Every structure is written in structure tokens, then in C-alpha cells.
Amino acid sequence: MKAFYEALRRHDDELATFYFEKWQKTAFRTYTVQHFCEEIGRLRKVYKETKRQQALLFAEIIGQQMVAAFPQHVYATQQYGWVLYDLYVKNTQQPLQKRIDKAQEILQLTTAATYSPFEVTIWKLLQLYETSGAPTETCMALVDKLDRHTLSRDELRIERQGELKIYPSSREKYYRTKIRYLFKDKHYRECYKVCYQFLYESHITVRDSYAVHEKMLQCLCEIGRYEDALQFATSLAHHQEQRYILLLQKVCGYILANVGGPQTEALRHMPLIGMSTLQQHEHEMNVQIGVVHKQIYGQWQKWQ
């Protein structure tokens, strides 16, 4: 098949097709999975070196014949899945619906396993769904195909042109994505639960937890657990950086703006959280926390 690959690299598609069809008629009937996968690997290498889509089109034909001959072979379906991913799913030149259809085909063919395109296809399909305006429920169902327990907890480190880029682990990406969709769809109780799992039960070192803390506080406010929200926001303001003071102020502002009328009676019995536990060595921050508490306490006094 040396002549085929030489013609392909020379961009002589007519001659490459001639050799390919001849090869297809004579050799494919005796090929094992290993033989098929080796040829797919060579063609994907040609594509990476030359960016020639024709190489992937030939690989797709080989993959179709391999899966037809070995439909239950895991490695066969994985390799064919990678061809579909390269040729369609990640190819921005392909029509959006075609990319979505091929991504769904990959998910039907493959499972979550080492060297499988299953996980990367889910992340890409989520992007395509969002671009197409798919319902949140559709996106959530796709995220739920992932098993968080099997996702990597290791950060992805890639060095390009002497610069080191650090990306969140797959497991962290899973949690942050699920939190975003749950909150967007107003599933506040479930969202709070997932936030808690992420921060305290996932065994992930979270570099920046501010956005998750903010979502937890918003969820507590949305489900009416105002005292818990204020207490949690106060504890965060004591032990975190300056922006948590502003977060405490946002929580207080939300409570003052959204609670009243029939619920005023409950607020009368709400204690002033944290005022007796301020520590002298945190004086500067505690003064700011105290000011915020004083503001909200003064408003409660007016309601009484």
C-alpha cells in the first residue's frame, strides 16, 4: 500500500482512490481488527501531518467495514469513533447538525473506557447543543452519561511555546458543568447538594471555590434558608479574602430586598449571626463584617 500513501501525500486523490479500491477488494476480506486499526492509525497520522480530509474519508470507509465485521469489538468501535470525531465532530467546517448526529453516533458505538472518544465527545456535544439552543434538560441528560467516580482528578497541564497552561480536571469540569445547568434550570436544592459534594466530598483540590460558594449561597436564599445563608456567608467572610465581604453584602442585600410581608414575623426571631464571635486579630475584616451585620440588623429592627 506504499503507492496509495504516496499518492495521498501528493494530493493525487484520483490515483489514491484507484489504489484504495483495489486494496479494498483484495485485502480487506482477510483483515483482522489489528490490521484495520493499523491502517486507520496510519491514515490519522497522515491527516495530522497534512491536514488532508481525504485521509479521514478513507479511514471512515475502513472503519465502517471494520465495525461491520467486528461489531462487538471494543477497540474497533473506539478507533472508528475517533475517526468520526476528527472528521465530523470537531471539524468546524461541517454543518452543525451533522456534527451533532455524528457525536450521537459515537456515543452509541462507544463506552467510557481508556482511550475511548466517549468522554471528549460528550464535552464537545455539550458545546454543540448550547450552540443549537438545545433545552437544558437535554444537556443535563448528556452530563449524566458521565460517571463522576471514574473521571480523572488530575489537572491537565499542557506546555505550548514555552508557556504552561493548566486546565481543570475532568471531574472538576463535570461538577462545575452540572452546577451551572442545575442552577440555570432552577433546581436549587439539587444544585446546593452538588455544590456541597464538589467542595467537600469529591477529593478534588479546588483552586478557586468562590463561584461555587456564591452558587451555594444563592441556592440557600432561593429556597428560603436565609439564616443558613447568612451564617455561611459570615463564616466565609471571616476566613476568606476581601471579595467574600462583598459576597456577604450581596446575601444581606438579597434578604432585605426579597423578604417581607408574611415572612417578617420569622425574621423577628432570626438571631444576629456571628456578632459575638468576632476575633481581635482579624480586626480590619471583622469591622467590615460588623458594618454589614449592623445594616441588616437595623433593617430587621424596623420590621419589628
C-alpha atoms as a PDB file:
ATOM      1  CA  MET A   1       0.000   0.000   0.000  1.00  0.00           C
ATOM      2  CA  LYS A   2       3.040   2.238  -0.278  1.00  0.00           C
ATOM      3  CA  ALA A   3       1.767   3.573  -3.608  1.00  0.00           C
ATOM      4  CA  PHE A   4      -1.573   4.520  -2.032  1.00  0.00           C
ATOM      5  CA  TYR A   5       0.022   6.551   0.757  1.00  0.00           C
ATOM      6  CA  GLU A   6       2.441   8.240  -1.643  1.00  0.00           C
ATOM      7  CA  ALA A   7      -0.443   9.296  -3.914  1.00  0.00           C
ATOM      8  CA  LEU A   8      -2.393  10.542  -0.906  1.00  0.00           C
ATOM      9  CA  ARG A   9       0.500  12.679   0.348  1.00  0.00           C
ATOM     10  CA  ARG A  10       0.993  14.095  -3.200  1.00  0.00           C
ATOM     11  CA  HIS A  11      -2.689  15.182  -3.198  1.00  0.00           C
ATOM     12  CA  ASP A  12      -3.341  12.879  -6.155  1.00  0.00           C
ATOM     13  CA  ASP A  13      -6.789  11.830  -4.988  1.00  0.00           C
ATOM     14  CA  GLU A  14      -7.749  10.081  -8.219  1.00  0.00           C
ATOM     15  CA  LEU A  15      -4.719   7.766  -8.095  1.00  0.00           C
ATOM     16  CA  ALA A  16      -5.112   7.286  -4.320  1.00  0.00           C
ATOM     17  CA  THR A  17      -8.740   6.253  -4.839  1.00  0.00           C
ATOM     18  CA  PHE A  18      -7.697   3.784  -7.543  1.00  0.00           C
ATOM     19  CA  TYR A  19      -5.169   2.094  -5.246  1.00  0.00           C
ATOM     20  CA  PHE A  20      -7.597   2.190  -2.313  1.00  0.00           C
ATOM     21  CA  GLU A  21     -10.407   0.462  -4.208  1.00  0.00           C
ATOM     22  CA  LYS A  22      -8.002  -2.214  -5.442  1.00  0.00           C
ATOM     23  CA  TRP A  23      -6.726  -2.705  -1.898  1.00  0.00           C
ATOM     24  CA  GLN A  24     -10.299  -2.820  -0.582  1.00  0.00           C
ATOM     25  CA  LYS A  25     -11.301  -5.637  -2.975  1.00  0.00           C
ATOM     26  CA  THR A  26      -8.306  -7.851  -2.317  1.00  0.00           C
ATOM     27  CA  ALA A  27      -7.085  -7.388   1.252  1.00  0.00           C
ATOM     28  CA  PHE A  28      -9.990  -6.269   3.461  1.00  0.00           C
ATOM     29  CA  ARG A  29     -11.694  -9.693   3.461  1.00  0.00           C
ATOM     30  CA  THR A  30      -8.783 -11.219   5.357  1.00  0.00           C
ATOM     31  CA  TYR A  31      -8.137  -8.315   7.742  1.00  0.00           C
ATOM     32  CA  THR A  32      -8.296  -8.721  11.497  1.00  0.00           C
ATOM     33  CA  VAL A  33      -9.175  -5.889  13.882  1.00  0.00           C
ATOM     34  CA  GLN A  34      -5.472  -5.256  14.346  1.00  0.00           C
ATOM     35  CA  HIS A  35      -4.928  -4.870  10.587  1.00  0.00           C
ATOM     36  CA  PHE A  36      -7.867  -2.470  10.243  1.00  0.00           C
ATOM     37  CA  CYS A  37      -6.759  -0.383  13.241  1.00  0.00           C
ATOM     38  CA  GLU A  38      -3.177  -0.159  11.976  1.00  0.00           C
ATOM     39  CA  GLU A  39      -4.375   1.307   8.688  1.00  0.00           C
ATOM     40  CA  ILE A  40      -6.717   3.725  10.483  1.00  0.00           C
ATOM     41  CA  GLY A  41      -3.777   4.780  12.631  1.00  0.00           C
ATOM     42  CA  ARG A  42      -1.637   5.451   9.566  1.00  0.00           C
ATOM     43  CA  LEU A  43      -4.375   7.481   7.914  1.00  0.00           C
ATOM     44  CA  ARG A  44      -4.993   9.559  11.050  1.00  0.00           C
ATOM     45  CA  LYS A  45      -1.243  10.218  11.158  1.00  0.00           C
ATOM     46  CA  VAL A  46      -1.331  11.410   7.541  1.00  0.00           C
ATOM     47  CA  TYR A  47      -4.217  13.708   8.473  1.00  0.00           C
ATOM     48  CA  LYS A  48      -2.328  15.193  11.436  1.00  0.00           C
ATOM     49  CA  GLU A  49       0.739  15.798   9.287  1.00  0.00           C
ATOM     50  CA  THR A  50      -1.012  17.143   6.177  1.00  0.00           C
ATOM     51  CA  LYS A  51      -4.492  18.233   7.412  1.00  0.00           C
ATOM     52  CA  ARG A  52      -5.930  16.388   4.406  1.00  0.00           C
ATOM     53  CA  GLN A  53      -9.590  15.493   4.987  1.00  0.00           C
ATOM     54  CA  GLN A  54      -9.288  12.824   2.272  1.00  0.00           C
ATOM     55  CA  ALA A  55      -7.158  10.723   4.630  1.00  0.00           C
ATOM     56  CA  LEU A  56     -10.007  10.689   7.164  1.00  0.00           C
ATOM     57  CA  LEU A  57     -12.562   9.856   4.477  1.00  0.00           C
ATOM     58  CA  PHE A  58     -10.551   6.747   3.591  1.00  0.00           C
ATOM     59  CA  ALA A  59     -10.241   5.976   7.318  1.00  0.00           C
ATOM     60  CA  GLU A  60     -14.026   6.285   7.669  1.00  0.00           C
ATOM     61  CA  ILE A  61     -14.559   3.672   4.941  1.00  0.00           C
ATOM     62  CA  ILE A  62     -12.116   1.315   6.656  1.00  0.00           C
ATOM     63  CA  GLY A  63     -13.811   1.938   9.992  1.00  0.00           C
ATOM     64  CA  GLN A  64     -17.251   1.172   8.581  1.00  0.00           C
ATOM     65  CA  GLN A  65     -16.053  -2.146   7.189  1.00  0.00           C
ATOM     66  CA  MET A  66     -14.229  -2.997  10.419  1.00  0.00           C
ATOM     67  CA  VAL A  67     -17.274  -2.311  12.619  1.00  0.00           C
ATOM     68  CA  ALA A  68     -19.497  -4.245  10.219  1.00  0.00           C
ATOM     69  CA  ALA A  69     -17.145  -7.227  10.507  1.00  0.00           C
ATOM     70  CA  PHE A  70     -16.476  -6.863  14.271  1.00  0.00           C
ATOM     71  CA  PRO A  71     -19.500  -5.012  15.747  1.00  0.00           C
ATOM     72  CA  GLN A  72     -18.837  -6.061  19.352  1.00  0.00           C
ATOM     73  CA  HIS A  73     -15.103  -5.438  19.401  1.00  0.00           C
ATOM     74  CA  VAL A  74     -14.415  -2.566  21.830  1.00  0.00           C
ATOM     75  CA  TYR A  75     -11.131  -1.461  20.273  1.00  0.00           C
ATOM     76  CA  ALA A  76     -12.679  -1.493  16.790  1.00  0.00           C
ATOM     77  CA  THR A  77     -15.579   0.763  17.804  1.00  0.00           C
ATOM     78  CA  GLN A  78     -13.208   3.094  19.683  1.00  0.00           C
ATOM     79  CA  GLN A  79     -10.931   3.557  16.678  1.00  0.00           C
ATOM     80  CA  TYR A  80     -13.870   4.159  14.368  1.00  0.00           C
ATOM     81  CA  GLY A  81     -15.254   6.613  16.924  1.00  0.00           C
ATOM     82  CA  TRP A  82     -12.024   8.631  16.827  1.00  0.00           C
ATOM     83  CA  VAL A  83     -12.248   8.836  13.035  1.00  0.00           C
ATOM     84  CA  LEU A  84     -15.798  10.207  13.260  1.00  0.00           C
ATOM     85  CA  TYR A  85     -14.683  12.644  15.944  1.00  0.00           C
ATOM     86  CA  ASP A  86     -11.810  14.011  13.844  1.00  0.00           C
ATOM     87  CA  LEU A  87     -13.744  14.067  10.584  1.00  0.00           C
ATOM     88  CA  TYR A  88     -17.050  15.494  11.807  1.00  0.00           C
ATOM     89  CA  VAL A  89     -17.457  16.368  15.483  1.00  0.00           C
ATOM     90  CA  LYS A  90     -14.505  18.691  15.987  1.00  0.00           C
ATOM     91  CA  ASN A  91     -14.484  19.894  12.382  1.00  0.00           C
ATOM     92  CA  THR A  92     -15.981  23.399  12.370  1.00  0.00           C
ATOM     93  CA  GLN A  93     -16.343  23.240   8.576  1.00  0.00           C
ATOM     94  CA  GLN A  94     -19.036  20.584   8.894  1.00  0.00           C
ATOM     95  CA  PRO A  95     -22.725  21.596   9.299  1.00  0.00           C
ATOM     96  CA  LEU A  96     -23.804  21.884  12.948  1.00  0.00           C
ATOM     97  CA  GLN A  97     -26.485  19.182  12.725  1.00  0.00           C
ATOM     98  CA  LYS A  98     -24.059  16.794  11.005  1.00  0.00           C
ATOM     99  CA  ARG A  99     -21.602  17.287  13.883  1.00  0.00           C
ATOM    100  CA  ILE A 100     -24.353  16.620  16.425  1.00  0.00           C
ATOM    101  CA  ASP A 101     -25.556  13.493  14.588  1.00  0.00           C
ATOM    102  CA  LYS A 102     -22.040  12.051  14.367  1.00  0.00           C
ATOM    103  CA  ALA A 103     -21.361  12.809  18.041  1.00  0.00           C
ATOM    104  CA  GLN A 104     -24.530  10.932  18.978  1.00  0.00           C
ATOM    105  CA  GLU A 105     -23.402   8.034  16.784  1.00  0.00           C
ATOM    106  CA  ILE A 106     -20.069   7.895  18.639  1.00  0.00           C
ATOM    107  CA  LEU A 107     -21.883   7.742  21.994  1.00  0.00           C
ATOM    108  CA  GLN A 108     -23.978   4.828  20.725  1.00  0.00           C
ATOM    109  CA  LEU A 109     -20.887   2.991  19.488  1.00  0.00           C
ATOM    110  CA  THR A 110     -18.530   3.507  22.419  1.00  0.00           C
ATOM    111  CA  THR A 111     -18.445   3.420  26.211  1.00  0.00           C
ATOM    112  CA  ALA A 112     -16.449   5.245  28.874  1.00  0.00           C
ATOM    113  CA  ALA A 113     -13.093   3.465  28.804  1.00  0.00           C
ATOM    114  CA  THR A 114      -9.380   4.164  28.477  1.00  0.00           C
ATOM    115  CA  TYR A 115      -8.504   5.600  25.048  1.00  0.00           C
ATOM    116  CA  SER A 116     -12.194   5.924  24.192  1.00  0.00           C
ATOM    117  CA  PRO A 117     -13.595   9.040  22.473  1.00  0.00           C
ATOM    118  CA  PHE A 118     -16.692   8.776  24.702  1.00  0.00           C
ATOM    119  CA  GLU A 119     -15.815  11.478  27.258  1.00  0.00           C
ATOM    120  CA  VAL A 120     -14.310  14.024  24.865  1.00  0.00           C
ATOM    121  CA  THR A 121     -17.330  13.574  22.590  1.00  0.00           C
ATOM    122  CA  ILE A 122     -19.704  14.394  25.440  1.00  0.00           C
ATOM    123  CA  TRP A 123     -17.889  17.643  26.194  1.00  0.00           C
ATOM    124  CA  LYS A 124     -17.878  18.633  22.533  1.00  0.00           C
ATOM    125  CA  LEU A 125     -21.525  17.656  22.075  1.00  0.00           C
ATOM    126  CA  LEU A 126     -22.451  19.858  25.035  1.00  0.00           C
ATOM    127  CA  GLN A 127     -20.902  22.812  23.220  1.00  0.00           C
ATOM    128  CA  LEU A 128     -22.803  21.907  20.061  1.00  0.00           C
ATOM    129  CA  TYR A 129     -26.075  21.574  21.987  1.00  0.00           C
ATOM    130  CA  GLU A 130     -25.597  25.008  23.529  1.00  0.00           C
ATOM    131  CA  THR A 131     -24.840  26.493  20.110  1.00  0.00           C
ATOM    132  CA  SER A 132     -28.004  24.915  18.691  1.00  0.00           C
ATOM    133  CA  GLY A 133     -30.136  26.153  21.618  1.00  0.00           C
ATOM    134  CA  ALA A 134     -30.964  22.694  22.947  1.00  0.00           C
ATOM    135  CA  PRO A 135     -33.081  22.580  26.157  1.00  0.00           C
ATOM    136  CA  THR A 136     -31.247  22.455  29.483  1.00  0.00           C
ATOM    137  CA  GLU A 137     -32.823  19.047  30.146  1.00  0.00           C
ATOM    138  CA  THR A 138     -31.091  17.666  27.040  1.00  0.00           C
ATOM    139  CA  CYS A 139     -27.730  19.000  28.217  1.00  0.00           C
ATOM    140  CA  MET A 140     -28.283  17.637  31.723  1.00  0.00           C
ATOM    141  CA  ALA A 141     -29.110  14.184  30.372  1.00  0.00           C
ATOM    142  CA  LEU A 142     -25.841  14.238  28.441  1.00  0.00           C
ATOM    143  CA  VAL A 143     -23.805  15.220  31.517  1.00  0.00           C
ATOM    144  CA  ASP A 144     -25.453  12.389  33.445  1.00  0.00           C
ATOM    145  CA  LYS A 145     -23.970   9.880  30.994  1.00  0.00           C
ATOM    146  CA  LEU A 146     -20.634  10.550  32.700  1.00  0.00           C
ATOM    147  CA  ASP A 147     -19.718   8.683  35.856  1.00  0.00           C
ATOM    148  CA  ARG A 148     -18.019  11.230  38.109  1.00  0.00           C
ATOM    149  CA  HIS A 149     -16.291   8.471  40.076  1.00  0.00           C
ATOM    150  CA  THR A 150     -14.304   7.350  37.026  1.00  0.00           C
ATOM    151  CA  LEU A 151     -13.343  10.821  35.813  1.00  0.00           C
ATOM    152  CA  SER A 152      -9.768  11.966  36.321  1.00  0.00           C
ATOM    153  CA  ARG A 153      -8.997  14.177  39.339  1.00  0.00           C
ATOM    154  CA  ASP A 154      -5.687  15.327  37.826  1.00  0.00           C
ATOM    155  CA  GLU A 155      -5.310  18.754  36.291  1.00  0.00           C
ATOM    156  CA  LEU A 156      -4.383  18.839  32.615  1.00  0.00           C
ATOM    157  CA  ARG A 157      -1.009  20.529  32.074  1.00  0.00           C
ATOM    158  CA  ILE A 158      -0.046  21.475  28.514  1.00  0.00           C
ATOM    159  CA  GLU A 159       3.101  23.374  27.568  1.00  0.00           C
ATOM    160  CA  ARG A 160       2.920  25.374  24.343  1.00  0.00           C
ATOM    161  CA  GLN A 161       5.660  27.653  23.072  1.00  0.00           C
ATOM    162  CA  GLY A 162       7.317  27.633  26.468  1.00  0.00           C
ATOM    163  CA  GLU A 163       4.125  28.601  28.319  1.00  0.00           C
ATOM    164  CA  LEU A 164       2.492  26.151  30.740  1.00  0.00           C
ATOM    165  CA  LYS A 165      -1.310  26.047  30.585  1.00  0.00           C
ATOM    166  CA  ILE A 166      -3.223  24.404  33.439  1.00  0.00           C
ATOM    167  CA  TYR A 167      -6.780  23.182  32.845  1.00  0.00           C
ATOM    168  CA  PRO A 168      -9.280  21.799  35.406  1.00  0.00           C
ATOM    169  CA  SER A 169      -9.545  18.046  35.828  1.00  0.00           C
ATOM    170  CA  SER A 170     -12.369  16.149  34.131  1.00  0.00           C
ATOM    171  CA  ARG A 171     -14.029  15.603  37.498  1.00  0.00           C
ATOM    172  CA  GLU A 172     -13.939  19.306  38.363  1.00  0.00           C
ATOM    173  CA  LYS A 173     -15.305  20.139  34.905  1.00  0.00           C
ATOM    174  CA  TYR A 174     -18.135  17.667  35.491  1.00  0.00           C
ATOM    175  CA  TYR A 175     -19.150  19.253  38.789  1.00  0.00           C
ATOM    176  CA  ARG A 176     -18.958  22.832  37.528  1.00  0.00           C
ATOM    177  CA  THR A 177     -20.990  21.959  34.430  1.00  0.00           C
ATOM    178  CA  LYS A 178     -23.677  20.157  36.411  1.00  0.00           C
ATOM    179  CA  ILE A 179     -23.900  23.033  38.904  1.00  0.00           C
ATOM    180  CA  ARG A 180     -24.353  25.505  36.045  1.00  0.00           C
ATOM    181  CA  TYR A 181     -27.179  23.537  34.437  1.00  0.00           C
ATOM    182  CA  LEU A 182     -28.988  22.799  37.711  1.00  0.00           C
ATOM    183  CA  PHE A 183     -28.921  26.446  38.725  1.00  0.00           C
ATOM    184  CA  LYS A 184     -29.993  27.600  35.270  1.00  0.00           C
ATOM    185  CA  ASP A 185     -32.984  25.245  35.426  1.00  0.00           C
ATOM    186  CA  LYS A 186     -33.839  26.413  38.982  1.00  0.00           C
ATOM    187  CA  HIS A 187     -33.211  23.063  40.653  1.00  0.00           C
ATOM    188  CA  TYR A 188     -31.838  24.903  43.676  1.00  0.00           C
ATOM    189  CA  ARG A 189     -31.933  22.101  46.253  1.00  0.00           C
ATOM    190  CA  GLU A 190     -30.152  19.663  43.956  1.00  0.00           C
ATOM    191  CA  CYS A 191     -27.714  22.385  42.913  1.00  0.00           C
ATOM    192  CA  TYR A 192     -26.805  23.093  46.540  1.00  0.00           C
ATOM    193  CA  LYS A 193     -26.280  19.367  47.120  1.00  0.00           C
ATOM    194  CA  VAL A 194     -23.937  19.044  44.122  1.00  0.00           C
ATOM    195  CA  CYS A 195     -22.012  22.166  45.205  1.00  0.00           C
ATOM    196  CA  TYR A 196     -21.504  20.600  48.634  1.00  0.00           C
ATOM    197  CA  GLN A 197     -20.360  17.301  47.100  1.00  0.00           C
ATOM    198  CA  PHE A 198     -17.929  19.151  44.856  1.00  0.00           C
ATOM    199  CA  LEU A 199     -16.270  21.176  47.607  1.00  0.00           C
ATOM    200  CA  TYR A 200     -16.320  18.714  50.490  1.00  0.00           C
ATOM    201  CA  GLU A 201     -16.730  15.159  49.170  1.00  0.00           C
ATOM    202  CA  SER A 202     -15.148  14.976  45.706  1.00  0.00           C
ATOM    203  CA  HIS A 203     -11.490  14.737  46.896  1.00  0.00           C
ATOM    204  CA  ILE A 204     -10.563  17.440  44.375  1.00  0.00           C
ATOM    205  CA  THR A 205      -8.182  20.283  45.176  1.00  0.00           C
ATOM    206  CA  VAL A 206     -10.276  23.230  44.007  1.00  0.00           C
ATOM    207  CA  ARG A 207      -8.110  26.190  43.032  1.00  0.00           C
ATOM    208  CA  ASP A 208     -10.883  28.780  43.170  1.00  0.00           C
ATOM    209  CA  SER A 209     -14.069  27.935  45.025  1.00  0.00           C
ATOM    210  CA  TYR A 210     -15.584  31.442  45.059  1.00  0.00           C
ATOM    211  CA  ALA A 211     -18.075  30.829  42.217  1.00  0.00           C
ATOM    212  CA  VAL A 212     -19.267  27.603  43.870  1.00  0.00           C
ATOM    213  CA  HIS A 213     -19.649  29.296  47.257  1.00  0.00           C
ATOM    214  CA  GLU A 214     -21.642  32.034  45.559  1.00  0.00           C
ATOM    215  CA  LYS A 215     -23.952  29.474  43.932  1.00  0.00           C
ATOM    216  CA  MET A 216     -24.443  27.717  47.304  1.00  0.00           C
ATOM    217  CA  LEU A 217     -25.490  30.984  48.935  1.00  0.00           C
ATOM    218  CA  GLN A 218     -27.808  31.851  46.066  1.00  0.00           C
ATOM    219  CA  CYS A 219     -29.433  28.425  46.352  1.00  0.00           C
ATOM    220  CA  LEU A 220     -29.930  28.818  50.097  1.00  0.00           C
ATOM    221  CA  CYS A 221     -31.603  32.177  49.535  1.00  0.00           C
ATOM    222  CA  GLU A 222     -33.785  30.849  46.716  1.00  0.00           C
ATOM    223  CA  ILE A 223     -35.156  28.016  48.876  1.00  0.00           C
ATOM    224  CA  GLY A 224     -35.757  30.355  51.825  1.00  0.00           C
ATOM    225  CA  ARG A 225     -32.956  29.221  54.137  1.00  0.00           C
ATOM    226  CA  TYR A 226     -31.991  32.814  54.938  1.00  0.00           C
ATOM    227  CA  GLU A 227     -30.475  32.172  58.341  1.00  0.00           C
ATOM    228  CA  ASP A 228     -28.274  29.397  56.943  1.00  0.00           C
ATOM    229  CA  ALA A 229     -27.234  31.657  54.068  1.00  0.00           C
ATOM    230  CA  LEU A 230     -26.271  34.498  56.411  1.00  0.00           C
ATOM    231  CA  GLN A 231     -24.402  32.191  58.759  1.00  0.00           C
ATOM    232  CA  PHE A 232     -22.489  30.534  55.909  1.00  0.00           C
ATOM    233  CA  ALA A 233     -21.678  33.879  54.262  1.00  0.00           C
ATOM    234  CA  THR A 234     -20.380  35.208  57.574  1.00  0.00           C
ATOM    235  CA  SER A 235     -18.123  32.206  58.151  1.00  0.00           C
ATOM    236  CA  LEU A 236     -16.714  32.596  54.630  1.00  0.00           C
ATOM    237  CA  ALA A 237     -16.084  36.304  55.170  1.00  0.00           C
ATOM    238  CA  HIS A 238     -14.095  35.502  58.332  1.00  0.00           C
ATOM    239  CA  HIS A 239     -11.770  33.023  56.673  1.00  0.00           C
ATOM    240  CA  GLN A 240     -11.523  34.061  53.019  1.00  0.00           C
ATOM    241  CA  GLU A 241     -10.250  37.066  51.116  1.00  0.00           C
ATOM    242  CA  GLN A 242     -11.796  40.504  50.626  1.00  0.00           C
ATOM    243  CA  ARG A 243     -14.285  39.529  47.920  1.00  0.00           C
ATOM    244  CA  TYR A 244     -16.172  37.390  50.445  1.00  0.00           C
ATOM    245  CA  ILE A 245     -17.066  40.564  52.324  1.00  0.00           C
ATOM    246  CA  LEU A 246     -18.809  41.727  49.160  1.00  0.00           C
ATOM    247  CA  LEU A 247     -20.476  38.324  48.865  1.00  0.00           C
ATOM    248  CA  LEU A 248     -21.821  38.699  52.407  1.00  0.00           C
ATOM    249  CA  GLN A 249     -23.175  42.108  51.425  1.00  0.00           C
ATOM    250  CA  LYS A 250     -24.888  40.582  48.394  1.00  0.00           C
ATOM    251  CA  VAL A 251     -26.555  37.952  50.585  1.00  0.00           C
ATOM    252  CA  CYS A 252     -27.745  40.612  53.010  1.00  0.00           C
ATOM    253  CA  GLY A 253     -28.996  42.736  50.140  1.00  0.00           C
ATOM    254  CA  TYR A 254     -30.920  39.800  48.686  1.00  0.00           C
ATOM    255  CA  ILE A 255     -32.585  39.059  52.019  1.00  0.00           C
ATOM    256  CA  LEU A 256     -33.548  42.681  52.593  1.00  0.00           C
ATOM    257  CA  ALA A 257     -34.912  43.049  49.052  1.00  0.00           C
ATOM    258  CA  ASN A 258     -36.854  39.803  48.875  1.00  0.00           C
ATOM    259  CA  VAL A 259     -38.156  39.060  52.357  1.00  0.00           C
ATOM    260  CA  GLY A 260     -41.054  40.862  53.930  1.00  0.00           C
ATOM    261  CA  GLY A 261     -44.802  40.755  54.303  1.00  0.00           C
ATOM    262  CA  PRO A 262     -45.938  37.399  55.728  1.00  0.00           C
ATOM    263  CA  GLN A 263     -42.343  36.330  56.348  1.00  0.00           C
ATOM    264  CA  THR A 264     -41.468  39.330  58.501  1.00  0.00           C
ATOM    265  CA  GLU A 265     -42.556  37.510  61.651  1.00  0.00           C
ATOM    266  CA  ALA A 266     -39.958  34.797  61.086  1.00  0.00           C
ATOM    267  CA  LEU A 267     -37.237  37.394  60.668  1.00  0.00           C
ATOM    268  CA  ARG A 268     -38.006  38.846  64.096  1.00  0.00           C
ATOM    269  CA  HIS A 269     -36.729  35.645  65.658  1.00  0.00           C
ATOM    270  CA  MET A 270     -33.645  35.411  63.457  1.00  0.00           C
ATOM    271  CA  PRO A 271     -30.513  35.902  65.566  1.00  0.00           C
ATOM    272  CA  LEU A 272     -27.698  38.223  64.628  1.00  0.00           C
ATOM    273  CA  ILE A 273     -25.162  35.703  63.354  1.00  0.00           C
ATOM    274  CA  GLY A 274     -21.543  35.935  64.350  1.00  0.00           C
ATOM    275  CA  MET A 275     -21.500  39.230  66.241  1.00  0.00           C
ATOM    276  CA  SER A 276     -20.252  37.646  69.462  1.00  0.00           C
ATOM    277  CA  THR A 277     -17.525  35.564  67.791  1.00  0.00           C
ATOM    278  CA  LEU A 278     -15.515  38.267  66.048  1.00  0.00           C
ATOM    279  CA  GLN A 279     -11.787  37.836  66.647  1.00  0.00           C
ATOM    280  CA  GLN A 280      -9.411  40.655  67.502  1.00  0.00           C
ATOM    281  CA  HIS A 281      -6.584  39.507  65.190  1.00  0.00           C
ATOM    282  CA  GLU A 282      -8.960  39.849  62.215  1.00  0.00           C
ATOM    283  CA  HIS A 283      -9.942  43.336  63.248  1.00  0.00           C
ATOM    284  CA  GLU A 284      -9.939  45.052  59.855  1.00  0.00           C
ATOM    285  CA  MET A 285     -12.069  42.412  58.162  1.00  0.00           C
ATOM    286  CA  ASN A 286     -14.311  41.986  61.181  1.00  0.00           C
ATOM    287  CA  VAL A 287     -15.080  45.692  61.262  1.00  0.00           C
ATOM    288  CA  GLN A 288     -16.404  45.402  57.718  1.00  0.00           C
ATOM    289  CA  ILE A 289     -18.429  42.286  58.582  1.00  0.00           C
ATOM    290  CA  GLY A 290     -19.779  44.086  61.621  1.00  0.00           C
ATOM    291  CA  VAL A 291     -20.887  47.023  59.478  1.00  0.00           C
ATOM    292  CA  VAL A 292     -22.798  44.708  57.174  1.00  0.00           C
ATOM    293  CA  HIS A 293     -24.452  42.940  60.094  1.00  0.00           C
ATOM    294  CA  LYS A 294     -25.332  46.283  61.626  1.00  0.00           C
ATOM    295  CA  GLN A 295     -27.049  47.330  58.415  1.00  0.00           C
ATOM    296  CA  ILE A 296     -29.167  44.237  58.177  1.00  0.00           C
ATOM    297  CA  TYR A 297     -29.838  44.186  61.921  1.00  0.00           C
ATOM    298  CA  GLY A 298     -31.051  47.773  61.712  1.00  0.00           C
ATOM    299  CA  GLN A 299     -33.464  46.798  58.954  1.00  0.00           C
ATOM    300  CA  TRP A 300     -34.795  43.897  60.981  1.00  0.00           C
ATOM    301  CA  GLN A 301     -35.351  46.279  63.873  1.00  0.00           C
ATOM    302  CA  LYS A 302     -37.543  48.428  61.618  1.00  0.00           C
ATOM    303  CA  TRP A 303     -39.635  45.379  60.746  1.00  0.00           C
ATOM    304  CA  GLN A 304     -40.289  44.563  64.402  1.00  0.00           C
END
